[in-house]
Protein backbone atom coordinates (compact mmCIF):
# COMPACT_ATOMS: atom_id res chain seq x y z
CA MET A 1 12.83 18.01 -2.38
CA ILE A 2 10.03 20.57 -2.24
CA LEU A 3 6.42 19.36 -2.52
CA GLY A 4 3.85 22.08 -2.07
CA ASP A 5 5.13 24.06 0.91
CA ALA A 6 6.92 21.05 2.44
CA ASP A 7 10.64 20.27 2.36
CA ILE A 8 10.55 16.49 2.00
CA HIS A 9 13.51 14.31 3.00
CA GLY A 10 11.74 10.94 3.05
CA VAL A 11 8.83 9.21 1.34
CA ILE A 12 6.85 6.26 2.70
CA PHE A 13 5.13 4.39 -0.10
CA ASP A 14 2.14 2.13 0.17
CA MET A 15 2.67 -0.96 -1.98
CA ASP A 16 -0.63 -2.22 -3.44
CA GLY A 17 -2.19 0.33 -5.76
CA THR A 18 0.62 2.83 -5.22
CA LEU A 19 3.93 1.23 -6.19
CA LEU A 20 2.46 -1.93 -7.69
CA ASP A 21 -0.49 -2.48 -10.02
CA SER A 22 -1.69 -5.29 -7.78
CA MET A 23 -5.25 -4.38 -6.84
CA PRO A 24 -6.85 -6.29 -9.75
CA GLU A 25 -5.00 -9.38 -8.53
CA TRP A 26 -6.42 -8.94 -5.03
CA ARG A 27 -9.91 -8.78 -6.52
CA ARG A 28 -9.28 -12.00 -8.44
CA THR A 29 -7.89 -13.58 -5.28
CA ALA A 30 -11.05 -12.71 -3.38
CA GLU A 31 -13.10 -14.41 -6.07
CA ARG A 32 -10.91 -17.52 -6.25
CA PHE A 33 -10.51 -17.93 -2.51
CA LEU A 34 -14.16 -17.45 -1.62
CA ALA A 35 -15.32 -19.64 -4.51
CA GLY A 36 -13.47 -22.47 -2.78
CA TYR A 37 -15.85 -22.02 0.13
CA GLY A 38 -18.94 -21.66 -2.07
CA ILE A 39 -19.16 -17.91 -1.48
CA ILE A 40 -19.85 -15.25 -4.12
CA PRO A 41 -18.12 -12.10 -2.85
CA ASN A 42 -20.03 -8.87 -2.34
CA LYS A 43 -18.71 -5.30 -2.11
CA ASP A 44 -17.83 -5.61 1.58
CA ASP A 45 -15.84 -8.77 0.88
CA TYR A 46 -13.90 -7.10 -1.93
CA ASP A 47 -13.25 -4.05 0.25
CA ARG A 48 -11.74 -6.23 2.96
CA PHE A 49 -9.48 -8.13 0.59
CA MET A 50 -8.32 -4.95 -1.10
CA LYS A 51 -7.84 -2.70 1.93
CA ALA A 52 -7.28 -4.66 5.15
CA PRO A 53 -4.22 -6.58 6.41
CA VAL A 54 -4.68 -10.20 5.44
CA LYS A 55 -5.06 -11.43 9.03
CA GLU A 56 -7.91 -8.96 9.51
CA VAL A 57 -9.47 -10.44 6.37
CA GLY A 58 -9.30 -13.84 8.06
CA GLU A 59 -10.99 -12.45 11.17
CA TYR A 60 -13.69 -10.89 9.02
CA LEU A 61 -14.37 -14.14 7.14
CA ILE A 62 -14.69 -16.11 10.36
CA GLU A 63 -17.14 -13.57 11.78
CA ARG A 64 -19.17 -13.05 8.59
CA TYR A 65 -19.24 -16.54 7.11
CA GLY A 66 -18.27 -18.78 10.02
CA LEU A 67 -15.26 -20.22 8.20
CA SER A 68 -13.33 -22.76 10.23
CA GLY A 69 -9.75 -22.35 11.37
CA THR A 70 -7.96 -19.37 12.84
CA ALA A 71 -7.57 -15.95 11.29
CA GLN A 72 -3.89 -16.67 10.71
CA GLN A 73 -4.64 -19.98 9.00
CA LEU A 74 -7.05 -18.26 6.64
CA ALA A 75 -4.50 -15.50 6.06
CA ASP A 76 -1.90 -18.09 5.13
CA GLU A 77 -4.37 -19.68 2.69
CA ILE A 78 -5.08 -16.31 1.06
CA ASN A 79 -1.38 -15.53 0.77
CA SER A 80 -0.75 -18.90 -0.84
CA VAL A 81 -3.30 -18.00 -3.54
CA ILE A 82 -1.75 -14.65 -4.37
CA ALA A 83 1.95 -15.35 -3.77
CA GLU A 84 2.60 -16.57 -7.31
CA ALA A 85 1.32 -13.28 -8.71
CA TYR A 86 3.77 -11.30 -6.55
CA GLU A 87 6.65 -13.58 -7.43
CA TYR A 88 6.08 -13.72 -11.19
CA HIS A 89 3.41 -11.40 -12.58
CA ILE A 90 2.52 -8.16 -10.76
CA GLN A 91 4.24 -5.10 -12.26
CA PRO A 92 5.00 -1.58 -11.02
CA LYS A 93 2.50 1.11 -11.87
CA ALA A 94 3.34 3.48 -14.69
CA HIS A 95 6.52 5.55 -14.19
CA VAL A 96 7.09 4.30 -10.63
CA THR A 97 10.63 3.14 -11.35
CA GLU A 98 11.49 6.51 -12.91
CA LEU A 99 10.06 8.28 -9.86
CA LEU A 100 12.13 6.18 -7.46
CA ARG A 101 15.27 6.86 -9.51
CA TYR A 102 14.52 10.59 -9.44
CA LEU A 103 13.90 10.67 -5.68
CA LYS A 104 17.13 8.81 -5.01
CA SER A 105 19.02 11.31 -7.18
CA GLN A 106 17.59 14.07 -4.98
CA GLY A 107 18.81 12.39 -1.80
CA VAL A 108 15.29 11.46 -0.67
CA ARG A 109 15.16 8.34 1.50
CA MET A 110 12.37 5.85 0.79
CA ALA A 111 10.57 3.00 2.56
CA ALA A 112 7.44 0.94 2.00
CA ALA A 113 4.57 0.51 4.46
CA THR A 114 2.17 -2.22 3.40
CA ALA A 115 -0.95 -3.99 4.60
CA SER A 116 0.30 -7.08 2.74
CA ASP A 117 2.83 -9.43 4.30
CA THR A 118 6.49 -8.46 3.99
CA TYR A 119 7.54 -11.57 2.08
CA LEU A 120 5.05 -10.75 -0.69
CA ALA A 121 6.53 -7.27 -0.97
CA GLU A 122 10.05 -8.67 -1.10
CA LEU A 123 9.11 -11.11 -3.87
CA ALA A 124 7.67 -8.38 -6.10
CA PHE A 125 10.17 -5.64 -5.25
CA ALA A 126 13.17 -7.89 -5.87
CA ARG A 127 11.85 -9.05 -9.25
CA THR A 128 10.83 -5.59 -10.47
CA GLY A 129 13.96 -3.74 -9.33
CA ILE A 130 12.22 -1.62 -6.70
CA LEU A 131 13.93 -3.17 -3.68
CA PRO A 132 17.32 -1.39 -4.01
CA TYR A 133 15.62 1.99 -3.75
CA LEU A 134 14.07 1.23 -0.37
CA GLU A 135 15.64 1.62 3.06
CA GLY A 136 13.18 -0.93 4.41
CA ILE A 137 9.73 -2.50 4.30
CA VAL A 138 7.28 -2.38 7.21
CA SER A 139 4.07 -4.42 7.24
CA CYS A 140 0.95 -3.93 9.29
CA ALA A 141 1.26 -7.56 10.40
CA GLU A 142 4.66 -6.85 11.94
CA ILE A 143 3.38 -3.75 13.72
CA GLY A 144 0.12 -5.35 14.85
CA ALA A 145 -2.10 -2.54 13.57
CA GLY A 146 -3.76 -1.67 10.28
CA LYS A 147 -3.60 1.65 8.50
CA ASN A 148 -6.55 2.98 10.42
CA GLN A 149 -3.77 3.74 12.92
CA PRO A 150 -0.49 5.53 12.09
CA ASP A 151 1.84 2.99 13.75
CA VAL A 152 3.12 1.51 10.49
CA TYR A 153 4.04 4.99 9.23
CA TYR A 154 5.87 5.84 12.44
CA ALA A 155 7.85 2.60 12.15
CA ALA A 156 8.80 3.40 8.55
CA MET A 157 9.72 6.95 9.55
CA GLU A 158 12.16 5.58 12.13
CA ILE A 159 13.91 3.67 9.35
CA LEU A 160 14.17 6.86 7.31
CA ARG A 161 15.30 8.95 10.30
CA THR A 162 12.99 11.78 9.31
CA THR A 163 10.12 13.63 11.01
CA GLU A 164 6.43 13.96 10.19
CA LYS A 165 7.05 17.44 8.78
CA THR A 166 9.77 16.22 6.41
CA THR A 167 8.12 12.93 5.39
CA ALA A 168 5.58 12.30 2.65
CA VAL A 169 3.25 9.30 2.68
CA ALA A 170 1.95 8.07 -0.69
CA GLU A 171 -1.34 6.16 -0.52
CA ASP A 172 -4.21 5.21 -2.82
CA ALA A 173 -6.84 4.33 -0.18
CA LEU A 174 -8.98 7.00 1.47
CA TYR A 175 -8.82 5.65 5.01
CA ALA A 176 -5.02 5.43 4.85
CA VAL A 177 -4.76 8.94 3.39
CA ARG A 178 -6.81 10.26 6.30
CA THR A 179 -4.76 8.37 8.88
CA ALA A 180 -1.47 9.69 7.56
CA LYS A 181 -2.77 13.25 7.19
CA ASN A 182 -4.16 13.26 10.74
CA ALA A 183 -0.77 12.05 11.98
CA GLY A 184 0.91 15.14 10.52
CA PHE A 185 2.47 13.78 7.33
CA PHE A 186 2.47 15.39 3.90
CA VAL A 187 0.17 13.01 2.03
CA ILE A 188 0.32 12.19 -1.66
CA GLY A 189 -2.96 10.73 -2.84
CA VAL A 190 -2.38 8.31 -5.72
CA LYS A 191 -5.02 7.51 -8.32
CA ASP A 192 -5.93 3.84 -8.65
CA ASP A 193 -8.96 2.51 -10.50
CA SER A 194 -9.86 0.27 -7.55
CA MET A 195 -10.49 3.37 -5.42
CA ILE A 196 -12.39 5.37 -8.04
CA ASP A 197 -15.48 5.69 -5.84
CA ASP A 198 -13.40 7.55 -3.25
CA GLU A 199 -11.41 9.73 -5.64
CA SER A 200 -13.11 13.02 -4.85
CA GLU A 201 -12.68 12.47 -1.09
CA ILE A 202 -9.04 11.45 -1.54
CA ARG A 203 -8.40 14.62 -3.54
CA ARG A 204 -9.84 16.69 -0.70
CA ALA A 205 -8.01 14.85 2.08
CA ALA A 206 -4.54 14.62 0.49
CA SER A 207 -1.91 17.34 0.50
CA LEU A 208 -1.25 16.54 -3.17
CA TYR A 209 -3.08 14.27 -5.61
CA ILE A 210 -1.42 12.61 -8.59
CA GLU A 211 -2.82 10.46 -11.38
CA ASP A 212 0.62 9.30 -12.55
CA ALA A 213 3.97 8.99 -10.76
CA ALA A 214 5.58 11.05 -13.54
CA GLU A 215 3.82 14.17 -12.25
CA ILE A 216 6.30 14.43 -9.37
CA TYR A 217 9.59 14.00 -11.19
CA LEU A 218 8.54 16.04 -14.21
CA LYS A 219 7.76 18.98 -11.94
CA GLY A 220 11.19 18.63 -10.39
CA ASN A 221 13.08 18.74 -13.69
């Protein structure tokens, strides 16, 4: 598949805000979780919940608010709040399923690289029919590094058996777009309302910017 000047054989998809319309649920989770501790979240709190691996969120909450317990214990609490949404409610973003079907028809291999825990991805992907299109799912928790480092993309690329030059990474968050681009991937910036403040920077940093998944498969037909 040709994207821009790149011959793409594999695509690594971010989950939250890229494949799934889940970012509003993470915002609600921040509110619900922190309310239980008597905390009204500010912008930094929301940013952590919506961008960082959940264990890093736990570390942040311990440092910022002195919450008791370990980072992993807090991460488990947060996941318990949001798990029901992944299992029963969160839906794919517009035209994502059609895009995955198109890419598979073109022989493009696909994987997911997520800052959320793998079991949450499996719950949502199985229910929504996304799972059969993926060669695998890699989480930042498994790798031990967030998306400010490219490790999770390299791990997904190994599953796909592709190279940086033949692999596209689809992301909605600016910091992740920059990480993937600096690592040598073709980067598809994906519009999500939760990242609207960074949209102009994402457009500049990405190799390609799309507002709707249909833009890719319509160009190919």
